[in-house]
Amino acid sequence: MQRLAAPIAWRIPGHAARTLAGFARAEQGSRIDLLAAAHLTSSPARRAAYLRHAADETRHARLFWRRACDLADAPLPAPRADSEDLFARLGEPRFLAFVHRGERRGRIQFETYARQLARRDARTAALFTGIVEDERRHEAYTGELLVALVGAARARRELRRAAMWEAWRTWRRAGRALANVAFVVAMTAVYVIVAPVARLARLVARRRTGWMASP
């Protein structure tokens, strides 16, 4: 469904710039997590791999941001991303599984966008095509490191657990978003109901005060 809707979505004014800016933020967030992983891992070889990956993510964020600014109708706010402390929260095996899944998902998504945009936006298509090569390399090395770290059988389990954790995180985020919407709706309803009553109460109070003050 998403693949069918994407070509239409890219034609919506402002969509391309917003999407590319979103990718820039995501790449920045990945960079932060990879730098933390490089700091925390006990393996010099994995540290070097994480640092190379972080450098790629920095470059991707810059490329996405520049193209977003080229396509934007108005200045865009600078992309900002926060770390989720994924390495510390998940441990190194599951962190690798999480990154591996994310790189695979990104590769497939960017390959799709490159094909869809090839005729109507060659520059953006070329951007996605170039980044896909890095995504493919990231996907491969994280899978290899995961297997080397815990073995093939446990690697498969970690991938399944990472998928479950992602689903739970998505559900929790959706719940928070719905809770925020519900709060706004509730407060709006309260204002709509209470404000007229408050105004009426003030009007009655003023009239009563005026009546009591009259001779």
Protein backbone atom coordinates (compact mmCIF):
# COMPACT_ATOMS: atom_id res chain seq x y z
CA MET A 1 0.00 0.00 0.00
CA GLN A 2 2.79 2.40 0.92
CA ARG A 3 4.60 1.67 -2.36
CA LEU A 4 1.44 2.43 -4.32
CA ALA A 5 0.77 5.66 -2.45
CA ALA A 6 4.35 6.95 -2.49
CA PRO A 7 4.43 8.17 -6.12
CA ILE A 8 1.32 10.26 -5.46
CA ALA A 9 2.65 11.55 -2.14
CA TRP A 10 5.87 12.84 -3.73
CA ARG A 11 3.75 15.09 -5.98
CA ILE A 12 2.10 16.83 -3.00
CA PRO A 13 3.58 20.34 -2.57
CA GLY A 14 6.08 20.36 0.28
CA HIS A 15 6.02 16.59 0.78
CA ALA A 16 9.45 15.95 -0.72
CA ALA A 17 11.15 18.60 1.41
CA ARG A 18 9.47 17.39 4.61
CA THR A 19 10.29 13.76 3.86
CA LEU A 20 13.93 14.48 3.13
CA ALA A 21 14.22 16.63 6.26
CA GLY A 22 12.75 13.73 8.22
CA PHE A 23 15.41 11.41 6.77
CA ALA A 24 18.07 13.92 7.78
CA ARG A 25 16.81 13.82 11.37
CA ALA A 26 16.72 10.02 11.34
CA GLU A 27 20.28 9.81 10.05
CA GLN A 28 21.40 12.23 12.75
CA GLY A 29 19.74 10.11 15.41
CA SER A 30 21.47 7.01 14.04
CA ARG A 31 24.79 8.84 14.11
CA ILE A 32 24.34 9.67 17.80
CA ASP A 33 23.52 6.06 18.70
CA LEU A 34 26.48 4.73 16.71
CA LEU A 35 28.90 7.12 18.39
CA ALA A 36 27.58 5.94 21.76
CA ALA A 37 28.03 2.33 20.63
CA ALA A 38 31.62 3.05 19.60
CA HIS A 39 32.26 4.49 23.06
CA LEU A 40 30.68 1.56 24.93
CA THR A 41 31.71 -1.53 22.97
CA SER A 42 34.56 -3.62 24.31
CA SER A 43 35.83 -4.55 20.82
CA PRO A 44 38.29 -2.25 18.98
CA ALA A 45 37.21 -3.78 15.65
CA ARG A 46 33.51 -3.12 16.31
CA ARG A 47 34.36 0.36 17.57
CA ALA A 48 36.05 1.14 14.25
CA ALA A 49 33.05 -0.24 12.33
CA TYR A 50 30.61 1.88 14.35
CA LEU A 51 32.70 5.00 13.79
CA ARG A 52 32.81 4.40 10.02
CA HIS A 53 29.04 3.90 10.05
CA ALA A 54 28.54 7.09 12.07
CA ALA A 55 30.60 9.03 9.53
CA ASP A 56 28.36 7.71 6.75
CA GLU A 57 25.23 8.73 8.66
CA THR A 58 26.66 12.23 9.14
CA ARG A 59 27.20 12.52 5.40
CA HIS A 60 23.72 11.15 4.65
CA ALA A 61 22.10 13.66 7.01
CA ARG A 62 23.95 16.50 5.29
CA LEU A 63 22.94 15.30 1.81
CA PHE A 64 19.29 14.85 2.75
CA TRP A 65 19.21 18.24 4.44
CA ARG A 66 20.73 20.06 1.48
CA ARG A 67 18.27 18.50 -0.93
CA ALA A 68 15.37 19.26 1.42
CA CYS A 69 16.41 22.91 1.50
CA ASP A 70 16.66 22.95 -2.31
CA LEU A 71 13.07 21.71 -2.60
CA ALA A 72 11.51 23.67 0.26
CA ASP A 73 9.27 26.65 -0.45
CA ALA A 74 10.36 28.31 2.80
CA PRO A 75 13.36 28.01 5.16
CA LEU A 76 13.35 24.79 7.15
CA PRO A 77 14.26 24.51 10.84
CA ALA A 78 17.60 22.81 11.40
CA PRO A 79 17.18 19.06 11.90
CA ARG A 80 17.62 17.91 15.48
CA ALA A 81 17.69 14.37 16.77
CA ASP A 82 17.93 12.85 20.22
CA SER A 83 19.59 9.65 21.28
CA GLU A 84 17.49 6.82 22.69
CA ASP A 85 20.56 5.22 24.35
CA LEU A 86 19.82 2.11 22.31
CA PHE A 87 23.16 0.40 22.92
CA ALA A 88 22.87 0.76 26.70
CA ARG A 89 19.18 -0.20 26.71
CA LEU A 90 19.34 -3.16 24.36
CA GLY A 91 22.85 -4.52 24.80
CA GLU A 92 25.24 -4.99 21.91
CA PRO A 93 23.69 -8.09 20.27
CA ARG A 94 20.19 -6.64 20.11
CA PHE A 95 21.56 -3.24 19.16
CA LEU A 96 23.24 -4.85 16.17
CA ALA A 97 20.01 -6.69 15.33
CA PHE A 98 18.06 -3.44 15.57
CA VAL A 99 20.52 -1.57 13.33
CA HIS A 100 20.62 -4.45 10.85
CA ARG A 101 16.83 -4.40 10.52
CA GLY A 102 16.79 -0.63 10.17
CA GLU A 103 19.45 -0.63 7.46
CA ARG A 104 17.60 -3.32 5.53
CA ARG A 105 14.34 -1.39 5.79
CA GLY A 106 16.10 1.81 4.71
CA ARG A 107 17.74 0.10 1.75
CA ILE A 108 14.43 -1.26 0.47
CA GLN A 109 12.69 2.08 0.99
CA PHE A 110 15.40 4.10 -0.73
CA GLU A 111 15.58 1.65 -3.65
CA THR A 112 11.85 2.11 -4.12
CA TYR A 113 12.10 5.90 -4.01
CA ALA A 114 15.01 5.90 -6.47
CA ARG A 115 12.94 3.94 -8.99
CA GLN A 116 9.84 6.05 -8.49
CA LEU A 117 11.67 9.37 -8.84
CA ALA A 118 13.99 8.41 -11.69
CA ARG A 119 11.93 10.23 -14.34
CA ARG A 120 10.43 13.15 -12.49
CA ASP A 121 13.26 14.12 -10.08
CA ALA A 122 16.60 12.75 -11.27
CA ARG A 123 18.64 14.59 -8.61
CA THR A 124 16.68 13.18 -5.69
CA ALA A 125 16.65 9.73 -7.31
CA ALA A 126 20.43 9.87 -7.66
CA LEU A 127 20.72 10.87 -4.00
CA PHE A 128 18.75 7.81 -2.93
CA THR A 129 20.71 5.56 -5.30
CA GLY A 130 24.02 6.71 -3.85
CA ILE A 131 22.90 6.22 -0.26
CA VAL A 132 21.50 2.75 -1.03
CA GLU A 133 25.06 1.49 -1.56
CA ASP A 134 25.98 2.55 1.96
CA GLU A 135 22.78 1.06 3.36
CA ARG A 136 23.58 -2.26 1.70
CA ARG A 137 27.06 -2.25 3.22
CA HIS A 138 25.70 -1.34 6.66
CA GLU A 139 23.12 -4.10 6.42
CA ALA A 140 25.81 -6.63 5.58
CA TYR A 141 28.38 -5.70 8.23
CA THR A 142 25.86 -5.51 11.09
CA GLY A 143 24.55 -8.96 10.21
CA GLU A 144 28.08 -10.34 10.06
CA LEU A 145 29.07 -8.75 13.39
CA LEU A 146 25.93 -10.08 15.05
CA VAL A 147 26.64 -13.65 13.94
CA ALA A 148 30.31 -13.35 14.91
CA LEU A 149 29.32 -12.04 18.34
CA VAL A 150 26.63 -14.56 19.36
CA GLY A 151 26.44 -17.26 16.68
CA ALA A 152 23.87 -17.84 13.96
CA ALA A 153 21.15 -19.38 16.15
CA ARG A 154 21.14 -16.62 18.74
CA ALA A 155 21.47 -14.01 15.99
CA ARG A 156 18.13 -15.16 14.59
CA ARG A 157 16.58 -14.91 18.06
CA GLU A 158 17.98 -11.42 18.54
CA LEU A 159 16.52 -10.34 15.21
CA ARG A 160 13.09 -11.62 16.27
CA ARG A 161 13.38 -9.91 19.64
CA ALA A 162 14.48 -6.68 18.00
CA ALA A 163 11.38 -6.85 15.79
CA MET A 164 9.18 -7.34 18.84
CA TRP A 165 10.85 -4.46 20.64
CA GLU A 166 10.34 -2.19 17.61
CA ALA A 167 6.67 -3.12 17.48
CA TRP A 168 6.28 -2.35 21.18
CA ARG A 169 8.09 0.99 20.79
CA THR A 170 5.88 1.92 17.84
CA TRP A 171 2.75 1.01 19.82
CA ARG A 172 3.92 3.04 22.81
CA ARG A 173 4.68 6.06 20.65
CA ALA A 174 1.30 5.79 18.97
CA GLY A 175 -0.32 5.58 22.41
CA ARG A 176 1.45 8.74 23.55
CA ALA A 177 0.42 10.55 20.37
CA LEU A 178 -3.21 9.50 20.86
CA ALA A 179 -3.05 10.54 24.50
CA ASN A 180 -1.80 13.98 23.47
CA VAL A 181 -4.60 14.32 20.93
CA ALA A 182 -7.16 13.20 23.50
CA PHE A 183 -5.83 15.74 26.00
CA VAL A 184 -6.09 18.58 23.47
CA VAL A 185 -9.64 17.54 22.53
CA ALA A 186 -10.67 17.26 26.18
CA MET A 187 -9.21 20.63 27.10
CA THR A 188 -10.87 22.22 24.07
CA ALA A 189 -14.21 20.72 25.10
CA VAL A 190 -13.74 21.98 28.64
CA TYR A 191 -12.97 25.46 27.37
CA VAL A 192 -15.97 25.45 25.04
CA ILE A 193 -18.26 24.39 27.89
CA VAL A 194 -16.75 26.30 30.80
CA ALA A 195 -15.92 29.61 29.13
CA PRO A 196 -19.55 30.61 28.36
CA VAL A 197 -20.61 29.55 31.86
CA ALA A 198 -17.82 31.63 33.37
CA ARG A 199 -18.80 34.65 31.29
CA LEU A 200 -22.43 34.24 32.33
CA ALA A 201 -21.41 33.98 35.98
CA ARG A 202 -19.38 37.20 35.71
CA LEU A 203 -22.31 38.97 34.02
CA VAL A 204 -24.72 37.85 36.76
CA ALA A 205 -22.25 38.94 39.42
CA ARG A 206 -21.87 42.39 37.87
CA ARG A 207 -25.64 42.83 37.59
CA ARG A 208 -26.15 41.71 41.18
CA THR A 209 -23.45 44.09 42.37
CA GLY A 210 -25.06 46.93 40.42
CA TRP A 211 -28.51 46.12 41.86
CA MET A 212 -27.19 46.05 45.42
CA ALA A 213 -25.40 49.35 44.91
CA SER A 214 -28.48 51.10 43.50
CA PRO A 215 -30.45 53.40 45.96
